[in-house]
Full PDB file with SEQRES, HELIX, SHEET, SSBOND, CRYST1, ORIGX, SCALE, CONECT and MASTER records, all heavy atoms in Angstrom:
SEQRES   1 A   32  VAL PRO SER SER SER LYS LEU THR VAL LYS ARG HIS ARG          
SEQRES   2 A   32  THR LEU ARG TYR GLU SER THR ASP SER SER VAL ALA SER          
SEQRES   3 A   32  VAL ASN ALA LYS THR GLY                                      
CRYST1    1.000    1.000    1.000  90.00  90.00  90.00 P 1           1          
ORIGX1      1.000000  0.000000  0.000000        0.00000                         
ORIGX2      0.000000  1.000000  0.000000        0.00000                         
ORIGX3      0.000000  0.000000  1.000000        0.00000                         
SCALE1      1.000000  0.000000  0.000000        0.00000                         
SCALE2      0.000000  1.000000  0.000000        0.00000                         
SCALE3      0.000000  0.000000  1.000000        0.00000                         
ATOM      1  N   VAL A   1     105.220 113.047 108.251  1.00  0.00           N  
ATOM      2  CA  VAL A   1     105.462 113.972 109.352  1.00  0.00           C  
ATOM      3  C   VAL A   1     106.876 114.502 109.189  1.00  0.00           C  
ATOM      4  O   VAL A   1     107.833 113.732 109.226  1.00  0.00           O  
ATOM      5  CB  VAL A   1     105.318 113.263 110.715  1.00  0.00           C  
ATOM      6  CG1 VAL A   1     105.613 114.211 111.856  1.00  0.00           C  
ATOM      7  CG2 VAL A   1     103.938 112.657 110.855  1.00  0.00           C  
ATOM      8  N   PRO A   2     107.056 115.824 108.963  1.00  0.00           N  
ATOM      9  CA  PRO A   2     108.403 116.363 108.781  1.00  0.00           C  
ATOM     10  C   PRO A   2     109.229 116.276 110.064  1.00  0.00           C  
ATOM     11  O   PRO A   2     108.699 116.290 111.165  1.00  0.00           O  
ATOM     12  CB  PRO A   2     108.169 117.818 108.372  1.00  0.00           C  
ATOM     13  CG  PRO A   2     106.755 118.111 108.631  1.00  0.00           C  
ATOM     14  CD  PRO A   2     106.024 116.836 108.833  1.00  0.00           C  
ATOM     15  N   SER A   3     110.553 116.183 109.903  1.00  0.00           N  
ATOM     16  CA  SER A   3     111.439 116.066 111.058  1.00  0.00           C  
ATOM     17  C   SER A   3     111.530 117.369 111.845  1.00  0.00           C  
ATOM     18  O   SER A   3     111.857 117.362 113.011  1.00  0.00           O  
ATOM     19  CB  SER A   3     112.831 115.618 110.622  1.00  0.00           C  
ATOM     20  OG  SER A   3     113.363 116.541 109.708  1.00  0.00           O  
ATOM     21  N   SER A   4     111.235 118.483 111.198  1.00  0.00           N  
ATOM     22  CA  SER A   4     111.265 119.772 111.876  1.00  0.00           C  
ATOM     23  C   SER A   4     110.190 120.665 111.283  1.00  0.00           C  
ATOM     24  O   SER A   4     109.994 120.684 110.072  1.00  0.00           O  
ATOM     25  CB  SER A   4     112.636 120.433 111.706  1.00  0.00           C  
ATOM     26  OG  SER A   4     112.604 121.756 112.185  1.00  0.00           O  
ATOM     27  N   SER A   5     109.509 121.411 112.128  1.00  0.00           N  
ATOM     28  CA  SER A   5     108.474 122.316 111.637  1.00  0.00           C  
ATOM     29  C   SER A   5     109.079 123.543 110.947  1.00  0.00           C  
ATOM     30  O   SER A   5     108.397 124.246 110.221  1.00  0.00           O  
ATOM     31  CB  SER A   5     107.572 122.760 112.784  1.00  0.00           C  
ATOM     32  OG  SER A   5     108.336 123.453 113.752  1.00  0.00           O  
ATOM     33  N   LYS A   6     110.378 123.771 111.150  1.00  0.00           N  
ATOM     34  CA  LYS A   6     111.039 124.925 110.542  1.00  0.00           C  
ATOM     35  C   LYS A   6     111.496 124.648 109.108  1.00  0.00           C  
ATOM     36  O   LYS A   6     111.712 125.566 108.344  1.00  0.00           O  
ATOM     37  CB  LYS A   6     112.243 125.336 111.387  1.00  0.00           C  
ATOM     38  CG  LYS A   6     111.862 125.817 112.765  1.00  0.00           C  
ATOM     39  CD  LYS A   6     113.078 126.146 113.581  1.00  0.00           C  
ATOM     40  CE  LYS A   6     112.670 126.558 114.976  1.00  0.00           C  
ATOM     41  NZ  LYS A   6     113.823 126.835 115.824  1.00  0.00           N  
ATOM     42  N   LEU A   7     111.661 123.357 108.775  1.00  0.00           N  
ATOM     43  CA  LEU A   7     112.144 122.994 107.445  1.00  0.00           C  
ATOM     44  C   LEU A   7     110.994 122.566 106.546  1.00  0.00           C  
ATOM     45  O   LEU A   7     110.027 121.975 107.011  1.00  0.00           O  
ATOM     46  CB  LEU A   7     113.152 121.844 107.541  1.00  0.00           C  
ATOM     47  CG  LEU A   7     114.404 122.105 108.351  1.00  0.00           C  
ATOM     48  CD1 LEU A   7     115.214 120.830 108.464  1.00  0.00           C  
ATOM     49  CD2 LEU A   7     115.238 123.191 107.711  1.00  0.00           C  
ATOM     50  N   THR A   8     111.125 122.865 105.271  1.00  0.00           N  
ATOM     51  CA  THR A   8     110.140 122.374 104.318  1.00  0.00           C  
ATOM     52  C   THR A   8     110.733 121.188 103.569  1.00  0.00           C  
ATOM     53  O   THR A   8     111.943 121.118 103.347  1.00  0.00           O  
ATOM     54  CB  THR A   8     109.740 123.464 103.304  1.00  0.00           C  
ATOM     55  OG1 THR A   8     110.912 123.899 102.615  1.00  0.00           O  
ATOM     56  CG2 THR A   8     109.097 124.646 103.983  1.00  0.00           C  
ATOM     57  N   VAL A   9     109.873 120.268 103.211  1.00  0.00           N  
ATOM     58  CA  VAL A   9     110.308 119.069 102.510  1.00  0.00           C  
ATOM     59  C   VAL A   9     109.822 119.161 101.075  1.00  0.00           C  
ATOM     60  O   VAL A   9     108.637 119.353 100.822  1.00  0.00           O  
ATOM     61  CB  VAL A   9     109.725 117.806 103.177  1.00  0.00           C  
ATOM     62  CG1 VAL A   9     110.143 116.563 102.417  1.00  0.00           C  
ATOM     63  CG2 VAL A   9     110.163 117.721 104.623  1.00  0.00           C  
ATOM     64  N   LYS A  10     110.760 119.092 100.141  1.00  0.00           N  
ATOM     65  CA  LYS A  10     110.375 119.091  98.733  1.00  0.00           C  
ATOM     66  C   LYS A  10     109.885 117.704  98.372  1.00  0.00           C  
ATOM     67  O   LYS A  10     110.520 116.709  98.674  1.00  0.00           O  
ATOM     68  CB  LYS A  10     111.548 119.489  97.856  1.00  0.00           C  
ATOM     69  CG  LYS A  10     111.960 120.906  98.099  1.00  0.00           C  
ATOM     70  CD  LYS A  10     112.712 121.453  96.939  1.00  0.00           C  
ATOM     71  CE  LYS A  10     113.016 122.904  97.246  1.00  0.00           C  
ATOM     72  NZ  LYS A  10     113.018 123.710  96.102  1.00  0.00           N  
ATOM     73  N   ARG A  11     108.742 117.631  97.734  1.00  0.00           N  
ATOM     74  CA  ARG A  11     108.129 116.356  97.380  1.00  0.00           C  
ATOM     75  C   ARG A  11     108.542 115.961  95.971  1.00  0.00           C  
ATOM     76  O   ARG A  11     108.053 116.498  94.989  1.00  0.00           O  
ATOM     77  CB  ARG A  11     106.602 116.443  97.459  1.00  0.00           C  
ATOM     78  CG  ARG A  11     106.100 116.836  98.812  1.00  0.00           C  
ATOM     79  CD  ARG A  11     106.164 115.697  99.769  1.00  0.00           C  
ATOM     80  NE  ARG A  11     105.804 116.171 101.104  1.00  0.00           N  
ATOM     81  CZ  ARG A  11     106.331 115.740 102.194  1.00  0.00           C  
ATOM     82  NH1 ARG A  11     107.242 114.823 102.165  1.00  0.00           N  
ATOM     83  NH2 ARG A  11     105.973 116.208 103.355  1.00  0.00           N  
ATOM     84  N   HIS A  12     109.495 115.041  95.878  1.00  0.00           N  
ATOM     85  CA  HIS A  12     109.936 114.551  94.576  1.00  0.00           C  
ATOM     86  C   HIS A  12     109.068 113.402  94.103  1.00  0.00           C  
ATOM     87  O   HIS A  12     108.946 113.147  92.933  1.00  0.00           O  
ATOM     88  CB  HIS A  12     111.399 114.103  94.642  1.00  0.00           C  
ATOM     89  CG  HIS A  12     112.315 115.210  95.030  1.00  0.00           C  
ATOM     90  ND1 HIS A  12     112.596 116.258  94.191  1.00  0.00           N  
ATOM     91  CD2 HIS A  12     112.982 115.455  96.179  1.00  0.00           C  
ATOM     92  CE1 HIS A  12     113.424 117.096  94.809  1.00  0.00           C  
ATOM     93  NE2 HIS A  12     113.668 116.634  96.009  1.00  0.00           N  
ATOM     94  N   ARG A  13     108.500 112.688  95.055  1.00  0.00           N  
ATOM     95  CA  ARG A  13     107.569 111.618  94.712  1.00  0.00           C  
ATOM     96  C   ARG A  13     106.554 111.477  95.838  1.00  0.00           C  
ATOM     97  O   ARG A  13     106.800 111.865  96.982  1.00  0.00           O  
ATOM     98  CB  ARG A  13     108.284 110.298  94.467  1.00  0.00           C  
ATOM     99  CG  ARG A  13     108.999 109.781  95.661  1.00  0.00           C  
ATOM    100  CD  ARG A  13     109.620 108.439  95.418  1.00  0.00           C  
ATOM    101  NE  ARG A  13     109.974 107.928  96.730  1.00  0.00           N  
ATOM    102  CZ  ARG A  13     110.304 106.706  96.993  1.00  0.00           C  
ATOM    103  NH1 ARG A  13     110.349 105.839  96.039  1.00  0.00           N  
ATOM    104  NH2 ARG A  13     110.594 106.328  98.193  1.00  0.00           N  
ATOM    105  N   THR A  14     105.426 110.899  95.516  1.00  0.00           N  
ATOM    106  CA  THR A  14     104.362 110.741  96.494  1.00  0.00           C  
ATOM    107  C   THR A  14     104.575 109.474  97.305  1.00  0.00           C  
ATOM    108  O   THR A  14     105.559 108.766  97.133  1.00  0.00           O  
ATOM    109  CB  THR A  14     103.003 110.669  95.779  1.00  0.00           C  
ATOM    110  OG1 THR A  14     103.025 109.562  94.866  1.00  0.00           O  
ATOM    111  CG2 THR A  14     102.720 111.946  95.020  1.00  0.00           C  
ATOM    112  N   LEU A  15     103.651 109.173  98.171  1.00  0.00           N  
ATOM    113  CA  LEU A  15     103.705 107.939  98.939  1.00  0.00           C  
ATOM    114  C   LEU A  15     103.508 106.745  98.014  1.00  0.00           C  
ATOM    115  O   LEU A  15     102.817 106.842  97.000  1.00  0.00           O  
ATOM    116  CB  LEU A  15     102.611 107.931 100.005  1.00  0.00           C  
ATOM    117  CG  LEU A  15     102.685 109.051 101.042  1.00  0.00           C  
ATOM    118  CD1 LEU A  15     101.482 108.976 101.967  1.00  0.00           C  
ATOM    119  CD2 LEU A  15     103.964 108.975 101.838  1.00  0.00           C  
ATOM    120  N   ARG A  16     104.103 105.618  98.368  1.00  0.00           N  
ATOM    121  CA  ARG A  16     103.969 104.384  97.591  1.00  0.00           C  
ATOM    122  C   ARG A  16     103.398 103.294  98.494  1.00  0.00           C  
ATOM    123  O   ARG A  16     103.680 103.264  99.690  1.00  0.00           O  
ATOM    124  CB  ARG A  16     105.322 103.922  97.041  1.00  0.00           C  
ATOM    125  CG  ARG A  16     105.858 104.829  95.986  1.00  0.00           C  
ATOM    126  CD  ARG A  16     105.039 104.683  94.741  1.00  0.00           C  
ATOM    127  NE  ARG A  16     105.525 105.578  93.728  1.00  0.00           N  
ATOM    128  CZ  ARG A  16     104.793 106.034  92.753  1.00  0.00           C  
ATOM    129  NH1 ARG A  16     103.541 105.708  92.662  1.00  0.00           N  
ATOM    130  NH2 ARG A  16     105.300 106.834  91.855  1.00  0.00           N  
ATOM    131  N   TYR A  17     102.604 102.420  97.895  1.00  0.00           N  
ATOM    132  CA  TYR A  17     101.931 101.355  98.625  1.00  0.00           C  
ATOM    133  C   TYR A  17     102.272 100.016  98.003  1.00  0.00           C  
ATOM    134  O   TYR A  17     102.408  99.904  96.789  1.00  0.00           O  
ATOM    135  CB  TYR A  17     100.413 101.571  98.573  1.00  0.00           C  
ATOM    136  CG  TYR A  17      99.993 102.924  99.081  1.00  0.00           C  
ATOM    137  CD1 TYR A  17      99.938 104.028  98.231  1.00  0.00           C  
ATOM    138  CD2 TYR A  17      99.642 103.119 100.407  1.00  0.00           C  
ATOM    139  CE1 TYR A  17      99.552 105.274  98.693  1.00  0.00           C  
ATOM    140  CE2 TYR A  17      99.259 104.367 100.879  1.00  0.00           C  
ATOM    141  CZ  TYR A  17      99.217 105.428 100.014  1.00  0.00           C  
ATOM    142  OH  TYR A  17      98.837 106.658 100.483  1.00  0.00           O  
ATOM    143  N   GLU A  18     102.411  98.971  98.865  1.00  0.00           N  
ATOM    144  CA  GLU A  18     102.787  97.650  98.385  1.00  0.00           C  
ATOM    145  C   GLU A  18     102.131  96.586  99.262  1.00  0.00           C  
ATOM    146  O   GLU A  18     102.061  96.735 100.479  1.00  0.00           O  
ATOM    147  CB  GLU A  18     104.304  97.513  98.446  1.00  0.00           C  
ATOM    148  CG  GLU A  18     104.844  96.218  97.946  1.00  0.00           C  
ATOM    149  CD  GLU A  18     106.357  96.153  98.057  1.00  0.00           C  
ATOM    150  OE1 GLU A  18     106.925  96.792  98.974  1.00  0.00           O  
ATOM    151  OE2 GLU A  18     106.957  95.458  97.240  1.00  0.00           O  
ATOM    152  N   SER A  19     101.657  95.496  98.640  1.00  0.00           N  
ATOM    153  CA  SER A  19     101.042  94.385  99.345  1.00  0.00           C  
ATOM    154  C   SER A  19     101.986  93.185  99.351  1.00  0.00           C  
ATOM    155  O   SER A  19     102.653  92.915  98.352  1.00  0.00           O  
ATOM    156  CB  SER A  19      99.729  93.987  98.670  1.00  0.00           C  
ATOM    157  OG  SER A  19      99.189  92.831  99.258  1.00  0.00           O  
ATOM    158  N   THR A  20     102.017  92.432 100.475  1.00  0.00           N  
ATOM    159  CA  THR A  20     102.868  91.253 100.545  1.00  0.00           C  
ATOM    160  C   THR A  20     102.229  90.056  99.853  1.00  0.00           C  
ATOM    161  O   THR A  20     102.934  89.134  99.461  1.00  0.00           O  
ATOM    162  CB  THR A  20     103.180  90.867 102.002  1.00  0.00           C  
ATOM    163  OG1 THR A  20     101.945  90.645 102.692  1.00  0.00           O  
ATOM    164  CG2 THR A  20     103.995  91.933 102.677  1.00  0.00           C  
ATOM    165  N   ASP A  21     100.906  90.052  99.710  1.00  0.00           N  
ATOM    166  CA  ASP A  21     100.210  88.947  99.043  1.00  0.00           C  
ATOM    167  C   ASP A  21      99.036  89.518  98.257  1.00  0.00           C  
ATOM    168  O   ASP A  21      97.940  89.687  98.782  1.00  0.00           O  
ATOM    169  CB  ASP A  21      99.720  87.918 100.063  1.00  0.00           C  
ATOM    170  CG  ASP A  21      99.229  86.642  99.420  1.00  0.00           C  
ATOM    171  OD1 ASP A  21      99.141  86.590  98.177  1.00  0.00           O  
ATOM    172  OD2 ASP A  21      98.927  85.688 100.158  1.00  0.00           O  
ATOM    173  N   SER A  22      99.264  89.815  96.987  1.00  0.00           N  
ATOM    174  CA  SER A  22      98.231  90.454  96.176  1.00  0.00           C  
ATOM    175  C   SER A  22      97.085  89.520  95.819  1.00  0.00           C  
ATOM    176  O   SER A  22      96.081  89.959  95.290  1.00  0.00           O  
ATOM    177  CB  SER A  22      98.846  91.044  94.906  1.00  0.00           C  
ATOM    178  OG  SER A  22      99.473  90.030  94.152  1.00  0.00           O  
ATOM    179  N   SER A  23      97.202  88.212  96.100  1.00  0.00           N  
ATOM    180  CA  SER A  23      96.077  87.311  95.873  1.00  0.00           C  
ATOM    181  C   SER A  23      95.049  87.426  97.000  1.00  0.00           C  
ATOM    182  O   SER A  23      93.884  87.110  96.819  1.00  0.00           O  
ATOM    183  CB  SER A  23      96.551  85.866  95.738  1.00  0.00           C  
ATOM    184  OG  SER A  23      97.097  85.411  96.958  1.00  0.00           O  
ATOM    185  N   VAL A  24      95.449  87.913  98.170  1.00  0.00           N  
ATOM    186  CA  VAL A  24      94.537  88.140  99.291  1.00  0.00           C  
ATOM    187  C   VAL A  24      93.958  89.553  99.212  1.00  0.00           C  
ATOM    188  O   VAL A  24      92.746  89.753  99.258  1.00  0.00           O  
ATOM    189  CB  VAL A  24      95.255  87.926 100.642  1.00  0.00           C  
ATOM    190  CG1 VAL A  24      94.357  88.316 101.805  1.00  0.00           C  
ATOM    191  CG2 VAL A  24      95.700  86.489 100.771  1.00  0.00           C  
ATOM    192  N   ALA A  25      94.831  90.551  99.098  1.00  0.00           N  
ATOM    193  CA  ALA A  25      94.409  91.949  98.985  1.00  0.00           C  
ATOM    194  C   ALA A  25      95.436  92.691  98.142  1.00  0.00           C  
ATOM    195  O   ALA A  25      96.619  92.649  98.427  1.00  0.00           O  
ATOM    196  CB  ALA A  25      94.298  92.595 100.358  1.00  0.00           C  
ATOM    197  N   SER A  26      94.958  93.336  97.107  1.00  0.00           N  
ATOM    198  CA  SER A  26      95.858  94.134  96.274  1.00  0.00           C  
ATOM    199  C   SER A  26      95.702  95.599  96.662  1.00  0.00           C  
ATOM    200  O   SER A  26      94.687  96.000  97.231  1.00  0.00           O  
ATOM    201  CB  SER A  26      95.549  93.931  94.794  1.00  0.00           C  
ATOM    202  OG  SER A  26      94.258  94.409  94.497  1.00  0.00           O  
ATOM    203  N   VAL A  27      96.721  96.388  96.336  1.00  0.00           N  
ATOM    204  CA  VAL A  27      96.682  97.812  96.648  1.00  0.00           C  
ATOM    205  C   VAL A  27      97.222  98.579  95.448  1.00  0.00           C  
ATOM    206  O   VAL A  27      98.189  98.169  94.815  1.00  0.00           O  
ATOM    207  CB  VAL A  27      97.480  98.129  97.946  1.00  0.00           C  
ATOM    208  CG1 VAL A  27      98.943  97.808  97.791  1.00  0.00           C  
ATOM    209  CG2 VAL A  27      97.292  99.565  98.370  1.00  0.00           C  
ATOM    210  N   ASN A  28      96.568  99.693  95.124  1.00  0.00           N  
ATOM    211  CA  ASN A  28      97.043 100.554  94.050  1.00  0.00           C  
ATOM    212  C   ASN A  28      98.295 101.261  94.554  1.00  0.00           C  
ATOM    213  O   ASN A  28      98.275 101.904  95.607  1.00  0.00           O  
ATOM    214  CB  ASN A  28      95.957 101.560  93.663  1.00  0.00           C  
ATOM    215  CG  ASN A  28      96.347 102.408  92.488  1.00  0.00           C  
ATOM    216  OD1 ASN A  28      97.369 103.076  92.502  1.00  0.00           O  
ATOM    217  ND2 ASN A  28      95.526 102.396  91.464  1.00  0.00           N  
ATOM    218  N   ALA A  29      99.383 101.155  93.811  1.00  0.00           N  
ATOM    219  CA  ALA A  29     100.681 101.681  94.253  1.00  0.00           C  
ATOM    220  C   ALA A  29     100.685 103.197  94.424  1.00  0.00           C  
ATOM    221  O   ALA A  29     101.487 103.727  95.189  1.00  0.00           O  
ATOM    222  CB  ALA A  29     101.769 101.273  93.266  1.00  0.00           C  
ATOM    223  N   LYS A  30      99.816 103.911  93.726  1.00  0.00           N  
ATOM    224  CA  LYS A  30      99.829 105.374  93.810  1.00  0.00           C  
ATOM    225  C   LYS A  30      98.742 105.939  94.712  1.00  0.00           C  
ATOM    226  O   LYS A  30      98.968 106.922  95.401  1.00  0.00           O  
ATOM    227  CB  LYS A  30      99.686 105.966  92.412  1.00  0.00           C  
ATOM    228  CG  LYS A  30     100.892 105.717  91.542  1.00  0.00           C  
ATOM    229  CD  LYS A  30     100.748 106.388  90.204  1.00  0.00           C  
ATOM    230  CE  LYS A  30     101.965 106.116  89.344  1.00  0.00           C  
ATOM    231  NZ  LYS A  30     101.896 106.797  88.059  1.00  0.00           N  
ATOM    232  N   THR A  31      97.538 105.344  94.710  1.00  0.00           N  
ATOM    233  CA  THR A  31      96.420 105.918  95.458  1.00  0.00           C  
ATOM    234  C   THR A  31      96.182 105.294  96.817  1.00  0.00           C  
ATOM    235  O   THR A  31      95.528 105.888  97.663  1.00  0.00           O  
ATOM    236  CB  THR A  31      95.115 105.806  94.645  1.00  0.00           C  
ATOM    237  OG1 THR A  31      94.810 104.420  94.451  1.00  0.00           O  
ATOM    238  CG2 THR A  31      95.225 106.516  93.309  1.00  0.00           C  
ATOM    239  N   GLY A  32      96.685 104.075  97.056  1.00  0.00           N  
ATOM    240  CA  GLY A  32      96.494 103.417  98.333  1.00  0.00           C  
ATOM    241  C   GLY A  32      95.136 102.758  98.492  1.00  0.00           C  
ATOM    242  O   GLY A  32      94.711 102.457  99.604  1.00  0.00           O  
TER     243      GLY A  32                                                      
MASTER        0    0    0    0    0    0    0    6  242    1    0    3          
END                                                                             
């Protein structure tokens, strides 16, 4: 969610995902 509707945000990288315990549930860092 951008901080202002008047400004555009340049996307240098996509969202990142991380799991606290990958033995219970793992997550793909790029796709979620």
